[in-house]
N, C-alpha and C. Protein backbone atom coordinates (compact mmCIF):
# COMPACT_ATOMS: atom_id res chain seq x y z
N MET A 1 16.71 -22.85 -4.16
CA MET A 1 15.96 -21.94 -3.44
C MET A 1 16.00 -20.59 -4.07
N ALA A 2 14.83 -20.14 -4.35
CA ALA A 2 14.83 -18.73 -5.02
C ALA A 2 15.23 -17.63 -3.92
N THR A 3 15.98 -16.67 -4.34
CA THR A 3 16.49 -15.65 -3.39
C THR A 3 16.13 -14.27 -3.95
N VAL A 4 16.00 -13.30 -3.06
CA VAL A 4 15.87 -11.81 -3.45
C VAL A 4 16.76 -10.99 -2.54
N LEU A 5 17.60 -10.17 -3.08
CA LEU A 5 18.30 -9.24 -2.31
C LEU A 5 17.61 -8.02 -2.19
N VAL A 6 17.52 -7.45 -0.98
CA VAL A 6 16.76 -6.21 -0.67
C VAL A 6 17.90 -5.25 -0.36
N THR A 7 17.85 -4.11 -1.06
CA THR A 7 18.91 -3.15 -0.94
C THR A 7 18.44 -1.72 -1.01
N VAL A 8 19.36 -0.91 -0.47
CA VAL A 8 19.25 0.52 -0.57
C VAL A 8 20.40 1.10 -1.23
N MET A 9 21.31 0.38 -1.71
CA MET A 9 22.54 0.80 -2.28
C MET A 9 22.64 0.16 -3.70
N GLU A 10 21.87 0.57 -4.70
CA GLU A 10 21.79 -0.01 -6.00
C GLU A 10 23.14 -0.17 -6.69
N PRO A 11 24.07 1.02 -6.77
CA PRO A 11 25.28 0.84 -7.38
C PRO A 11 26.21 -0.37 -6.87
N LEU A 12 26.17 -0.59 -5.54
CA LEU A 12 27.09 -1.58 -4.89
C LEU A 12 26.44 -2.91 -5.26
N THR A 13 25.20 -3.10 -5.15
CA THR A 13 24.59 -4.49 -5.29
C THR A 13 24.36 -4.87 -6.75
N THR A 14 24.23 -3.98 -7.61
CA THR A 14 24.08 -4.24 -8.96
C THR A 14 25.36 -4.83 -9.60
N PHE A 15 26.32 -4.31 -9.07
CA PHE A 15 27.83 -4.80 -9.48
C PHE A 15 27.96 -6.22 -9.15
N ALA A 16 27.36 -6.68 -7.95
CA ALA A 16 27.54 -7.99 -7.53
C ALA A 16 26.57 -9.04 -8.30
N ARG A 17 25.63 -8.53 -9.18
CA ARG A 17 24.77 -9.28 -10.02
C ARG A 17 23.94 -10.28 -9.25
N PRO A 18 23.12 -9.89 -8.31
CA PRO A 18 22.09 -10.91 -7.66
C PRO A 18 21.20 -11.33 -8.67
N PRO A 19 20.58 -12.57 -8.44
CA PRO A 19 19.62 -13.11 -9.31
C PRO A 19 18.38 -12.20 -9.41
N ARG A 20 17.93 -11.62 -8.44
CA ARG A 20 16.79 -10.72 -8.26
C ARG A 20 17.10 -9.71 -7.08
N GLN A 21 16.67 -8.48 -7.29
CA GLN A 21 16.91 -7.56 -6.15
C GLN A 21 15.70 -6.55 -6.14
N VAL A 22 15.36 -6.20 -4.94
CA VAL A 22 14.40 -5.14 -4.73
C VAL A 22 15.09 -3.97 -4.15
N ILE A 23 14.98 -2.85 -4.78
CA ILE A 23 15.72 -1.59 -4.41
C ILE A 23 14.65 -0.68 -3.79
N ARG A 24 14.88 -0.50 -2.52
CA ARG A 24 14.08 0.57 -1.72
C ARG A 24 14.81 1.84 -1.46
N LYS A 25 13.88 2.85 -1.36
CA LYS A 25 14.39 4.19 -1.12
C LYS A 25 14.20 4.45 0.44
N LEU A 26 15.05 3.65 1.32
CA LEU A 26 15.06 3.73 2.70
C LEU A 26 16.37 3.99 3.21
N ASN A 27 16.61 4.26 4.50
CA ASN A 27 17.89 4.46 5.04
C ASN A 27 18.63 3.19 5.24
N ILE A 28 19.95 3.25 5.22
CA ILE A 28 20.85 2.17 5.51
C ILE A 28 20.51 1.78 6.96
N GLY A 29 20.37 0.52 7.18
CA GLY A 29 19.94 -0.05 8.50
C GLY A 29 18.43 -0.33 8.61
N ALA A 30 17.71 0.24 7.65
CA ALA A 30 16.26 -0.04 7.59
C ALA A 30 15.89 -0.52 6.21
N THR A 31 16.75 -1.47 5.82
CA THR A 31 16.50 -1.92 4.34
C THR A 31 15.09 -2.62 4.15
N ILE A 32 14.71 -3.34 5.03
CA ILE A 32 13.33 -4.00 4.85
C ILE A 32 12.21 -3.07 5.06
N GLY A 33 12.38 -2.08 6.03
CA GLY A 33 11.43 -1.13 6.42
C GLY A 33 11.85 -0.41 7.75
N ARG A 34 11.30 0.70 7.88
CA ARG A 34 11.64 1.48 9.12
C ARG A 34 11.14 0.76 10.34
N PRO A 35 11.73 0.85 11.53
CA PRO A 35 11.29 0.26 12.73
C PRO A 35 9.81 0.53 13.13
N ASN A 36 9.14 -0.49 13.53
CA ASN A 36 7.63 -0.38 13.86
C ASN A 36 6.82 -0.04 12.76
N ASP A 37 7.30 0.03 11.43
CA ASP A 37 6.51 0.32 10.36
C ASP A 37 5.99 -1.00 9.73
N ILE A 38 5.06 -1.72 10.25
CA ILE A 38 4.56 -2.99 9.79
C ILE A 38 4.05 -2.97 8.37
N SER A 39 3.38 -1.91 8.00
CA SER A 39 2.83 -1.92 6.71
C SER A 39 3.97 -1.71 5.57
N GLY A 40 4.93 -0.97 5.99
CA GLY A 40 6.09 -0.76 4.99
C GLY A 40 6.87 -1.95 4.96
N GLN A 41 7.12 -2.68 6.06
CA GLN A 41 7.86 -3.91 6.11
C GLN A 41 7.03 -5.00 5.27
N MET A 42 5.76 -5.09 5.31
CA MET A 42 4.94 -5.99 4.53
C MET A 42 4.98 -5.62 3.08
N GLU A 43 5.07 -4.37 2.74
CA GLU A 43 5.14 -3.99 1.36
C GLU A 43 6.49 -4.53 0.82
N THR A 44 7.61 -4.44 1.46
CA THR A 44 8.85 -5.13 1.17
C THR A 44 8.78 -6.62 0.83
N LEU A 45 8.02 -7.15 1.81
CA LEU A 45 7.84 -8.68 1.60
C LEU A 45 7.00 -9.01 0.41
N ARG A 46 5.96 -8.18 0.13
CA ARG A 46 5.11 -8.47 -0.97
C ARG A 46 5.89 -8.28 -2.21
N ARG A 47 6.74 -7.27 -2.40
CA ARG A 47 7.60 -6.88 -3.45
C ARG A 47 8.59 -8.10 -3.75
N MET A 48 9.21 -8.67 -2.60
CA MET A 48 10.12 -9.85 -2.72
C MET A 48 9.42 -10.96 -3.35
N ILE A 49 8.17 -11.35 -2.77
CA ILE A 49 7.56 -12.56 -3.23
C ILE A 49 7.07 -12.41 -4.72
N SER A 50 6.65 -11.19 -5.02
CA SER A 50 6.12 -10.87 -6.36
C SER A 50 7.28 -11.10 -7.35
N LEU A 51 8.51 -10.64 -7.06
CA LEU A 51 9.52 -10.74 -7.90
C LEU A 51 9.99 -12.09 -8.07
N VAL A 52 10.00 -12.85 -7.02
CA VAL A 52 10.27 -14.42 -7.18
C VAL A 52 9.24 -15.05 -8.15
N ASP A 53 7.97 -14.57 -7.89
CA ASP A 53 6.91 -15.24 -8.74
C ASP A 53 6.81 -14.83 -10.18
N GLU A 54 7.19 -13.59 -10.48
CA GLU A 54 6.99 -13.09 -11.78
C GLU A 54 8.25 -12.80 -12.67
N ALA A 55 9.48 -12.95 -12.02
CA ALA A 55 10.70 -12.61 -12.72
C ALA A 55 10.86 -13.75 -13.81
N GLU A 56 11.20 -13.15 -14.99
CA GLU A 56 11.45 -14.22 -16.17
C GLU A 56 12.78 -14.26 -16.60
N GLU A 57 13.57 -13.53 -15.96
CA GLU A 57 15.11 -13.74 -16.42
C GLU A 57 15.94 -13.34 -15.13
N TYR A 58 17.24 -13.72 -15.32
CA TYR A 58 18.31 -13.49 -14.18
C TYR A 58 18.41 -11.93 -14.22
N GLY A 59 18.57 -11.47 -12.94
CA GLY A 59 18.95 -10.02 -12.81
C GLY A 59 17.79 -9.25 -12.71
N ALA A 60 16.48 -9.72 -12.48
CA ALA A 60 15.31 -8.96 -12.38
C ALA A 60 15.36 -7.96 -11.24
N VAL A 61 14.86 -6.86 -11.45
CA VAL A 61 14.88 -5.73 -10.51
C VAL A 61 13.51 -5.18 -10.25
N GLY A 62 13.13 -4.95 -8.99
CA GLY A 62 11.98 -4.21 -8.55
C GLY A 62 12.42 -2.92 -7.77
N ARG A 63 12.03 -1.79 -8.07
CA ARG A 63 12.53 -0.55 -7.45
C ARG A 63 11.36 0.36 -7.01
N ASP A 64 11.56 1.01 -6.05
CA ASP A 64 10.63 2.14 -5.59
C ASP A 64 10.55 3.14 -6.75
N GLU A 65 9.38 3.64 -6.90
CA GLU A 65 9.17 4.73 -7.99
C GLU A 65 9.63 6.12 -7.45
């Protein structure tokens, strides 16, 4: 099963070497998106699915610009 770690703490999670990770610029506790921000939460989900679909190597990273 393909997995993606969503994080706001890149230094800690990169050390753990997840197979794929999406790094968001959000607050701790709102890793997937802010409360009641459906469009922001959907953006996180789109990024996760895209990374699973397009990643060509172990350790692929998608991050907020």
